[in-house]
């Protein structure tokens, strides 16, 4: 195996595999493939600022209707970070809560710490998950820890109707509302 191939394999094992990033998004969901409009320009600028460390504390919430590019930008940020050896952890909100519910006691603590302490965390579609007291308490615990430790955290949501404590923490970082209609099904 050539040195370049060994480096690529190491990168995939150390950074990409534990990140949970969909492999196909590495080519399709990048900053240069994001279609900028008047409705989403501010979101792309905020994502770039987040990457550059210009948002302090490093908390970014992208909110808007489905199909307006929130996940695309979240993946673009994640891939840029991963390619710079940042250990990113990506979860769709419901998947995160499902995993936390299904772990045994010892594994649960390890999994929660992995999410809480990740170098960068992306939670996609917050608010789309079924709201339970358990789920909201766990999300609040994770977000509160990351807020206190100033760890880079990017959330996407369809609405700002989120738990008050979570929303309040992101007000110190940056919240961007994306407008417009879904890109899905459109002829471009």
Protein backbone atom coordinates (compact mmCIF):
# COMPACT_ATOMS: atom_id res chain seq x y z
CA UNK A 1 0.00 0.00 0.00
CA UNK A 2 1.37 3.41 -0.97
CA UNK A 3 1.99 6.10 1.63
CA UNK A 4 -0.90 8.22 0.31
CA UNK A 5 -3.29 5.26 0.56
CA UNK A 6 -2.10 4.52 4.12
CA UNK A 7 -2.70 8.14 5.10
CA UNK A 8 -6.19 8.05 3.55
CA UNK A 9 -7.02 4.81 5.40
CA UNK A 10 -5.78 6.26 8.68
CA UNK A 11 -7.83 9.42 8.08
CA UNK A 12 -10.97 7.36 7.40
CA UNK A 13 -10.46 5.21 10.52
CA UNK A 14 -9.56 8.05 12.88
CA UNK A 15 -11.75 10.88 11.62
CA UNK A 16 -14.50 9.76 9.25
CA UNK A 17 -15.66 6.38 10.57
CA UNK A 18 -16.48 7.52 14.10
CA UNK A 19 -17.99 10.77 12.78
CA UNK A 20 -21.11 9.09 11.35
CA UNK A 21 -20.92 11.35 8.29
CA UNK A 22 -22.54 9.82 5.21
CA UNK A 23 -19.67 9.03 2.85
CA UNK A 24 -21.53 10.22 -0.25
CA UNK A 25 -21.88 13.71 1.23
CA UNK A 26 -18.10 14.19 1.04
CA UNK A 27 -18.45 15.13 -2.62
CA UNK A 28 -22.03 16.37 -2.82
CA UNK A 29 -22.43 18.54 0.30
CA UNK A 30 -19.55 20.99 0.20
CA UNK A 31 -19.30 24.76 0.28
CA UNK A 32 -18.56 24.88 -3.44
CA UNK A 33 -21.68 22.83 -4.26
CA UNK A 34 -24.00 24.98 -2.13
CA UNK A 35 -26.32 27.10 -4.28
CA UNK A 36 -26.33 30.60 -2.78
CA UNK A 37 -29.49 32.71 -2.99
CA UNK A 38 -30.64 35.87 -1.24
CA UNK A 39 -32.57 33.60 1.16
CA UNK A 40 -29.57 31.52 2.30
CA UNK A 41 -26.52 33.77 1.81
CA UNK A 42 -26.33 34.68 5.51
CA UNK A 43 -26.35 30.99 6.46
CA UNK A 44 -23.34 30.24 4.23
CA UNK A 45 -21.45 33.22 5.69
CA UNK A 46 -22.29 32.04 9.23
CA UNK A 47 -21.10 28.51 8.45
CA UNK A 48 -17.80 29.90 7.13
CA UNK A 49 -17.48 32.13 10.21
CA UNK A 50 -18.14 29.10 12.42
CA UNK A 51 -15.33 27.21 10.72
CA UNK A 52 -12.98 30.18 11.01
CA UNK A 53 -13.63 30.48 14.77
CA UNK A 54 -15.32 33.87 14.38
CA UNK A 55 -18.41 32.82 16.37
CA UNK A 56 -17.82 32.81 20.12
CA UNK A 57 -18.95 30.82 21.91
CA UNK A 58 -18.75 28.43 18.94
CA UNK A 59 -22.48 27.73 18.73
CA UNK A 60 -24.36 27.98 15.43
CA UNK A 61 -28.04 27.25 14.88
CA UNK A 62 -29.34 27.14 11.30
CA UNK A 63 -33.15 27.21 11.25
CA UNK A 64 -35.61 27.24 8.39
CA UNK A 65 -38.07 25.19 6.39
CA UNK A 66 -37.12 21.72 5.15
CA UNK A 67 -35.05 21.63 1.99
CA UNK A 68 -33.43 25.05 2.31
CA UNK A 69 -29.83 23.88 2.69
CA UNK A 70 -29.32 23.52 6.44
CA UNK A 71 -28.06 19.94 6.28
CA UNK A 72 -25.96 20.72 3.21
CA UNK A 73 -24.13 23.44 5.14
CA UNK A 74 -23.82 21.22 8.23
CA UNK A 75 -22.14 18.52 6.14
CA UNK A 76 -19.94 21.11 4.41
CA UNK A 77 -18.73 22.32 7.82
CA UNK A 78 -18.21 18.74 9.03
CA UNK A 79 -16.14 17.72 6.00
CA UNK A 80 -13.95 20.81 6.24
CA UNK A 81 -13.33 20.03 9.89
CA UNK A 82 -12.73 16.33 9.28
CA UNK A 83 -10.25 17.09 6.53
CA UNK A 84 -8.36 19.19 9.07
CA UNK A 85 -8.26 16.22 11.46
CA UNK A 86 -10.97 17.58 13.74
CA UNK A 87 -12.95 14.70 15.24
CA UNK A 88 -16.51 15.56 14.25
CA UNK A 89 -19.54 13.71 15.52
CA UNK A 90 -22.72 13.99 13.42
CA UNK A 91 -26.19 12.86 14.49
CA UNK A 92 -29.68 13.32 13.24
CA UNK A 93 -31.44 14.25 16.51
CA UNK A 94 -33.79 11.26 16.64
CA UNK A 95 -30.91 8.84 15.93
CA UNK A 96 -28.90 10.31 18.79
CA UNK A 97 -31.79 9.88 21.22
CA UNK A 98 -32.47 6.34 19.98
CA UNK A 99 -28.84 5.40 20.59
CA UNK A 100 -28.85 6.88 24.07
CA UNK A 101 -32.04 5.00 24.95
CA UNK A 102 -30.64 1.67 23.73
CA UNK A 103 -27.24 1.62 25.42
CA UNK A 104 -26.57 -0.38 28.52
CA UNK A 105 -25.39 1.45 31.63
CA UNK A 106 -21.63 1.21 30.96
CA UNK A 107 -21.94 1.89 27.25
CA UNK A 108 -24.38 4.72 27.91
CA UNK A 109 -21.87 6.77 29.89
CA UNK A 110 -19.16 6.21 27.28
CA UNK A 111 -21.54 7.23 24.45
CA UNK A 112 -22.80 10.35 26.25
CA UNK A 113 -19.22 11.41 26.94
CA UNK A 114 -18.27 10.80 23.30
CA UNK A 115 -21.03 13.18 22.19
CA UNK A 116 -20.53 15.73 24.98
CA UNK A 117 -16.77 15.93 24.52
CA UNK A 118 -16.45 15.63 20.73
CA UNK A 119 -14.12 18.19 19.20
CA UNK A 120 -17.07 19.29 17.03
CA UNK A 121 -20.71 18.18 17.24
CA UNK A 122 -23.45 18.51 14.66
CA UNK A 123 -27.04 17.66 15.54
CA UNK A 124 -29.33 17.77 12.53
CA UNK A 125 -33.10 18.25 12.55
CA UNK A 126 -33.43 19.24 16.19
CA UNK A 127 -37.11 19.53 16.98
CA UNK A 128 -38.07 16.83 14.47
CA UNK A 129 -37.55 14.14 17.10
CA UNK A 130 -40.39 12.98 19.29
CA UNK A 131 -40.35 15.19 22.36
CA UNK A 132 -40.10 13.24 25.56
CA UNK A 133 -38.97 14.49 28.92
CA UNK A 134 -36.07 12.03 28.72
CA UNK A 135 -35.01 13.19 25.26
CA UNK A 136 -35.18 16.86 26.09
CA UNK A 137 -33.25 16.34 29.33
CA UNK A 138 -30.47 14.48 27.50
CA UNK A 139 -30.23 17.07 24.71
CA UNK A 140 -30.17 19.85 27.28
CA UNK A 141 -27.40 18.11 29.22
CA UNK A 142 -25.28 17.69 26.08
CA UNK A 143 -25.81 21.26 24.86
CA UNK A 144 -25.25 22.74 28.31
CA UNK A 145 -21.95 20.87 28.71
CA UNK A 146 -20.75 21.98 25.28
CA UNK A 147 -21.83 25.57 25.98
CA UNK A 148 -19.91 25.67 29.28
CA UNK A 149 -16.81 24.11 27.69
CA UNK A 150 -17.02 26.33 24.56
CA UNK A 151 -16.97 23.30 22.25
CA UNK A 152 -18.00 23.85 18.60
CA UNK A 153 -21.63 22.84 18.18
CA UNK A 154 -23.81 23.25 15.09
CA UNK A 155 -27.54 22.56 15.19
CA UNK A 156 -30.08 22.56 12.40
CA UNK A 157 -33.81 22.88 12.98
CA UNK A 158 -36.94 23.57 10.95
CA UNK A 159 -38.20 26.03 13.55
CA UNK A 160 -37.04 28.05 16.51
CA UNK A 161 -39.64 26.34 18.68
CA UNK A 162 -36.92 24.63 20.67
CA UNK A 163 -36.44 24.21 24.41
CA UNK A 164 -35.80 27.63 25.99
CA UNK A 165 -32.46 26.66 27.60
CA UNK A 166 -31.04 25.35 24.34
CA UNK A 167 -32.23 28.33 22.31
CA UNK A 168 -30.95 30.76 24.94
CA UNK A 169 -27.41 29.33 24.80
CA UNK A 170 -27.29 29.63 21.02
CA UNK A 171 -28.26 33.30 21.25
CA UNK A 172 -24.73 33.88 22.57
CA UNK A 173 -23.32 32.23 19.46
CA UNK A 174 -25.25 32.80 16.25
CA UNK A 175 -28.73 31.91 15.04
CA UNK A 176 -29.51 32.22 11.34
CA UNK A 177 -33.00 31.94 9.88
CA UNK A 178 -33.06 30.65 6.32
CA UNK A 179 -36.06 31.54 4.20
CA UNK A 180 -37.25 30.18 0.91
CA UNK A 181 -38.75 27.07 -0.55
CA UNK A 182 -37.36 23.57 -0.62
CA UNK A 183 -34.73 22.81 -3.24
CA UNK A 184 -36.00 19.26 -3.44
CA UNK A 185 -37.91 18.55 -6.62
CA UNK A 186 -36.96 21.89 -8.20
CA UNK A 187 -35.50 22.13 -11.65
CA UNK A 188 -32.31 24.17 -11.36
